[in-house]
């Protein structure tokens, strides 16, 4: 269950409206038919309006006299909001993964995590190392895809915490939603690379207080993450008549 969906009718209505907007079922610029939505979602007008206030606070909808409530352009959405991020990746997991979304995540991680791990190497405490070691131990356990996802999230969360920078710690909301989807894809697929050595290299460099080595190890870890996703993309691509894997533009990979 998602966080809003746990909050009864109000939360379920927020989730339903968000999904419709993110999927394009209610496109940008469209004016919402309040009466129709009230009937379809089987909620009171008050509950519907309260739910729309949540989306309005996130920049997704707005209301104007004589126009009513409408979907704002995507450029106005608060894409770094934790709920909006989670909704985007939840929508991708349900309708097919959006490659652009995962690519954007990869680029953001490539900017944030190598810099963050340098700080972690300089500032980590014994408690930080214990959290990282515990997460790495969990990563190495063969306990299914869901366990692997949670263990990986715990490791990267612990790295951000080890920077002892409150703003960097908050970046976990940007990384976690997409990382969870990426991990679910990778750990559910056969023949993905063993994640333990790359994570161990990061931890060892952080323990040694070596920022340069920590950054190199993190970049190598992110390169591995890209390779794992590329393997999945290649295996999902259609085969040509000669058995080669084809790209969408028809060229063999």
Protein backbone atom coordinates (compact mmCIF):
# COMPACT_ATOMS: atom_id res chain seq x y z
CA UNK A 1 0.00 0.00 0.00
CA UNK A 2 1.17 3.52 -0.75
CA UNK A 3 1.21 6.20 1.95
CA UNK A 4 -1.80 8.16 0.73
CA UNK A 5 -3.81 5.02 0.04
CA UNK A 6 -3.55 4.19 3.75
CA UNK A 7 -5.40 7.37 4.64
CA UNK A 8 -8.90 6.15 3.84
CA UNK A 9 -11.15 7.66 1.20
CA UNK A 10 -9.22 10.92 1.07
CA UNK A 11 -5.90 9.20 0.43
CA UNK A 12 -7.33 6.80 -2.13
CA UNK A 13 -8.90 9.71 -3.99
CA UNK A 14 -5.61 11.60 -4.06
CA UNK A 15 -3.86 8.52 -5.48
CA UNK A 16 -6.56 7.94 -8.11
CA UNK A 17 -6.46 11.56 -9.30
CA UNK A 18 -2.66 11.61 -9.37
CA UNK A 19 -2.56 8.45 -11.47
CA UNK A 20 -4.99 9.92 -13.98
CA UNK A 21 -2.97 13.08 -14.35
CA UNK A 22 0.41 11.32 -14.56
CA UNK A 23 -0.84 8.80 -17.11
CA UNK A 24 -2.27 11.55 -19.29
CA UNK A 25 -5.79 10.23 -18.85
CA UNK A 26 -6.51 13.76 -17.68
CA UNK A 27 -4.08 15.69 -19.91
CA UNK A 28 -2.30 18.97 -19.28
CA UNK A 29 -4.64 21.91 -19.69
CA UNK A 30 -7.78 19.80 -19.33
CA UNK A 31 -10.56 21.11 -17.10
CA UNK A 32 -11.75 18.51 -14.63
CA UNK A 33 -15.37 17.41 -14.78
CA UNK A 34 -16.07 17.52 -11.07
CA UNK A 35 -19.50 15.88 -11.28
CA UNK A 36 -18.18 13.00 -13.39
CA UNK A 37 -15.19 12.45 -11.11
CA UNK A 38 -17.40 12.52 -8.05
CA UNK A 39 -19.55 9.78 -9.58
CA UNK A 40 -16.65 7.68 -10.89
CA UNK A 41 -14.69 7.82 -7.64
CA UNK A 42 -17.81 7.53 -5.50
CA UNK A 43 -16.81 10.34 -3.16
CA UNK A 44 -18.45 13.47 -1.85
CA UNK A 45 -17.75 16.81 -3.48
CA UNK A 46 -16.03 17.89 -0.27
CA UNK A 47 -13.70 14.86 -0.33
CA UNK A 48 -12.94 15.48 -4.01
CA UNK A 49 -12.09 19.13 -3.41
CA UNK A 50 -9.89 18.28 -0.43
CA UNK A 51 -8.01 15.74 -2.52
CA UNK A 52 -7.49 18.25 -5.31
CA UNK A 53 -5.99 20.64 -2.77
CA UNK A 54 -3.19 18.10 -2.27
CA UNK A 55 -2.44 18.05 -5.99
CA UNK A 56 -2.70 21.84 -6.14
CA UNK A 57 -0.06 22.12 -3.42
CA UNK A 58 2.22 20.00 -5.60
CA UNK A 59 1.67 22.25 -8.63
CA UNK A 60 -0.29 19.65 -10.59
CA UNK A 61 -3.70 21.35 -10.72
CA UNK A 62 -5.11 24.81 -10.21
CA UNK A 63 -8.52 26.46 -10.09
CA UNK A 64 -9.75 29.66 -11.68
CA UNK A 65 -13.09 31.41 -11.72
CA UNK A 66 -15.09 30.72 -14.88
CA UNK A 67 -12.60 27.99 -15.88
CA UNK A 68 -12.82 25.61 -12.96
CA UNK A 69 -10.12 23.19 -11.85
CA UNK A 70 -7.59 22.25 -14.54
CA UNK A 71 -4.32 20.35 -14.94
CA UNK A 72 -1.30 22.62 -14.99
CA UNK A 73 1.60 22.12 -17.45
CA UNK A 74 4.12 19.51 -16.35
CA UNK A 75 6.73 22.27 -16.14
CA UNK A 76 4.79 23.65 -13.16
CA UNK A 77 4.69 20.35 -11.24
CA UNK A 78 6.89 19.94 -8.19
CA UNK A 79 8.76 16.97 -9.62
CA UNK A 80 11.05 16.75 -6.58
CA UNK A 81 8.14 16.29 -4.21
CA UNK A 82 8.39 12.86 -2.59
CA UNK A 83 4.81 11.92 -3.48
CA UNK A 84 5.09 13.12 -7.08
CA UNK A 85 8.29 11.12 -7.51
CA UNK A 86 6.70 8.02 -6.02
CA UNK A 87 3.60 8.42 -8.19
CA UNK A 88 5.71 8.75 -11.33
CA UNK A 89 7.63 5.56 -10.67
CA UNK A 90 4.52 3.71 -9.53
CA UNK A 91 2.87 4.71 -12.79
CA UNK A 92 5.90 3.48 -14.74
CA UNK A 93 5.92 0.13 -12.96
CA UNK A 94 2.26 -0.37 -13.81
CA UNK A 95 2.33 0.66 -17.46
CA UNK A 96 5.85 -0.21 -18.55
CA UNK A 97 9.04 1.50 -17.40
CA UNK A 98 9.68 4.93 -18.88
CA UNK A 99 13.31 4.84 -20.11
CA UNK A 100 13.58 8.64 -19.87
CA UNK A 101 12.57 8.51 -16.22
CA UNK A 102 15.24 5.94 -15.38
CA UNK A 103 17.80 7.85 -17.46
CA UNK A 104 17.02 11.03 -15.56
CA UNK A 105 17.42 9.15 -12.29
CA UNK A 106 20.78 7.80 -13.43
CA UNK A 107 22.00 11.28 -14.29
CA UNK A 108 20.85 12.67 -10.94
CA UNK A 109 22.56 9.84 -9.07
CA UNK A 110 25.72 10.44 -11.11
CA UNK A 111 25.78 14.03 -9.87
CA UNK A 112 24.73 13.52 -6.26
CA UNK A 113 26.20 10.24 -5.05
CA UNK A 114 29.87 10.58 -6.08
CA UNK A 115 29.98 14.00 -4.39
CA UNK A 116 28.08 12.74 -1.36
CA UNK A 117 30.34 9.76 -0.85
CA UNK A 118 33.38 12.07 -0.74
CA UNK A 119 31.80 13.86 2.22
CA UNK A 120 30.85 10.54 3.78
CA UNK A 121 34.49 9.42 3.62
CA UNK A 122 35.55 12.59 5.44
CA UNK A 123 32.76 12.75 8.03
CA UNK A 124 31.60 9.19 8.71
CA UNK A 125 31.33 8.02 12.29
CA UNK A 126 31.51 4.57 13.78
CA UNK A 127 27.72 4.47 13.85
CA UNK A 128 27.61 5.29 10.14
CA UNK A 129 29.99 2.42 9.38
CA UNK A 130 27.85 0.04 11.40
CA UNK A 131 24.76 1.03 9.40
CA UNK A 132 26.61 0.61 6.11
CA UNK A 133 28.04 -2.77 7.15
CA UNK A 134 24.61 -4.01 8.22
CA UNK A 135 23.09 -2.93 4.91
CA UNK A 136 25.90 -4.58 2.94
CA UNK A 137 25.42 -7.82 4.87
CA UNK A 138 21.74 -7.71 3.97
CA UNK A 139 22.58 -7.10 0.30
CA UNK A 140 24.64 -10.29 0.30
CA UNK A 141 21.81 -12.44 1.60
CA UNK A 142 19.82 -14.54 -0.86
CA UNK A 143 16.32 -13.62 0.29
CA UNK A 144 14.50 -12.59 -2.86
CA UNK A 145 14.10 -9.42 -4.92
CA UNK A 146 12.12 -7.44 -2.34
CA UNK A 147 14.77 -8.04 0.32
CA UNK A 148 17.51 -7.02 -2.10
CA UNK A 149 15.68 -3.80 -2.94
CA UNK A 150 15.26 -2.82 0.71
CA UNK A 151 18.87 -3.68 1.53
CA UNK A 152 20.20 -1.58 -1.35
CA UNK A 153 18.00 1.35 -0.35
CA UNK A 154 19.29 1.07 3.23
CA UNK A 155 22.90 1.19 1.99
CA UNK A 156 22.42 4.32 -0.11
CA UNK A 157 20.35 5.96 2.63
CA UNK A 158 23.16 5.27 5.10
CA UNK A 159 25.70 6.82 2.73
CA UNK A 160 23.69 10.03 2.49
CA UNK A 161 23.29 10.06 6.28
CA UNK A 162 27.07 9.69 6.64
CA UNK A 163 27.57 13.06 4.94
CA UNK A 164 25.99 14.71 7.99
CA UNK A 165 24.51 17.29 5.64
CA UNK A 166 20.78 17.66 6.24
CA UNK A 167 20.04 18.80 2.69
CA UNK A 168 21.94 15.90 1.14
CA UNK A 169 20.15 13.50 3.46
CA UNK A 170 16.86 14.81 2.08
CA UNK A 171 17.99 13.84 -1.41
CA UNK A 172 17.05 10.29 -0.48
CA UNK A 173 13.50 11.14 -1.55
CA UNK A 174 14.79 11.88 -5.06
CA UNK A 175 16.84 8.71 -5.25
CA UNK A 176 14.74 6.17 -3.37
CA UNK A 177 11.58 5.95 -5.50
CA UNK A 178 13.47 5.41 -8.72
CA UNK A 179 16.16 3.26 -7.16
CA UNK A 180 13.47 0.95 -5.79
CA UNK A 181 11.98 0.48 -9.26
CA UNK A 182 15.39 0.04 -10.84
CA UNK A 183 16.38 -2.52 -8.20
CA UNK A 184 13.12 -4.40 -8.59
CA UNK A 185 13.79 -4.75 -12.32
CA UNK A 186 17.42 -5.77 -11.90
CA UNK A 187 17.05 -8.15 -8.97
CA UNK A 188 14.08 -9.86 -10.59
CA UNK A 189 16.07 -10.52 -13.76
CA UNK A 190 18.48 -13.43 -14.20
CA UNK A 191 22.23 -12.98 -14.62
CA UNK A 192 22.57 -9.51 -13.07
CA UNK A 193 26.01 -8.77 -11.68
CA UNK A 194 26.76 -9.51 -8.03
CA UNK A 195 26.18 -6.17 -6.24
CA UNK A 196 28.28 -6.97 -3.17
CA UNK A 197 31.82 -6.25 -4.52
CA UNK A 198 30.92 -2.80 -5.86
CA UNK A 199 29.18 -1.83 -2.63
CA UNK A 200 32.04 -3.30 -0.57
CA UNK A 201 34.53 -1.12 -2.47
CA UNK A 202 32.52 1.99 -1.58
CA UNK A 203 32.30 1.01 2.08
CA UNK A 204 36.01 0.18 2.31
CA UNK A 205 36.95 3.60 0.89
CA UNK A 206 34.58 5.37 3.28
CA UNK A 207 36.03 3.40 6.20
CA UNK A 208 39.57 4.34 5.08
CA UNK A 209 38.58 8.02 4.91
CA UNK A 210 39.73 8.14 1.28
CA UNK A 211 37.44 10.53 -0.65
CA UNK A 212 39.11 9.93 -4.04
CA UNK A 213 38.81 6.16 -3.76
CA UNK A 214 35.25 6.51 -2.50
CA UNK A 215 34.27 8.60 -5.50
CA UNK A 216 35.91 6.15 -7.92
CA UNK A 217 34.16 3.22 -6.25
CA UNK A 218 30.79 4.98 -6.41
CA UNK A 219 31.23 5.79 -10.09
CA UNK A 220 32.09 2.14 -10.74
CA UNK A 221 28.97 1.10 -8.81
CA UNK A 222 26.81 3.44 -10.91
CA UNK A 223 28.43 2.10 -14.10
CA UNK A 224 27.45 -1.39 -13.00
CA UNK A 225 23.88 -0.20 -12.39
CA UNK A 226 23.78 1.13 -15.95
CA UNK A 227 25.09 -2.15 -17.35
CA UNK A 228 22.46 -4.12 -15.47
CA UNK A 229 19.68 -1.95 -16.89
CA UNK A 230 21.17 -2.15 -20.39
CA UNK A 231 21.07 -5.95 -20.18
CA UNK A 232 17.40 -5.85 -19.26
CA UNK A 233 16.63 -3.39 -22.06
CA UNK A 234 18.46 -5.60 -24.56
CA UNK A 235 16.65 -8.74 -23.44
CA UNK A 236 13.27 -6.97 -23.73
CA UNK A 237 13.95 -5.61 -27.23
CA UNK A 238 12.31 -7.47 -30.18
CA UNK A 239 14.42 -9.77 -32.31
CA UNK A 240 14.91 -9.25 -36.02
CA UNK A 241 14.53 -11.91 -38.66
CA UNK A 242 18.21 -12.82 -38.29
CA UNK A 243 17.84 -13.20 -34.51
CA UNK A 244 19.61 -9.93 -33.70
CA UNK A 245 18.22 -7.55 -31.10
CA UNK A 246 16.59 -4.54 -32.67
CA UNK A 247 16.27 -1.01 -31.42
CA UNK A 248 13.02 0.90 -31.88
CA UNK A 249 14.52 2.64 -34.89
CA UNK A 250 15.16 -0.74 -36.50
CA UNK A 251 18.92 -0.79 -36.14
CA UNK A 252 20.56 -3.87 -34.61
CA UNK A 253 22.24 -3.47 -31.26
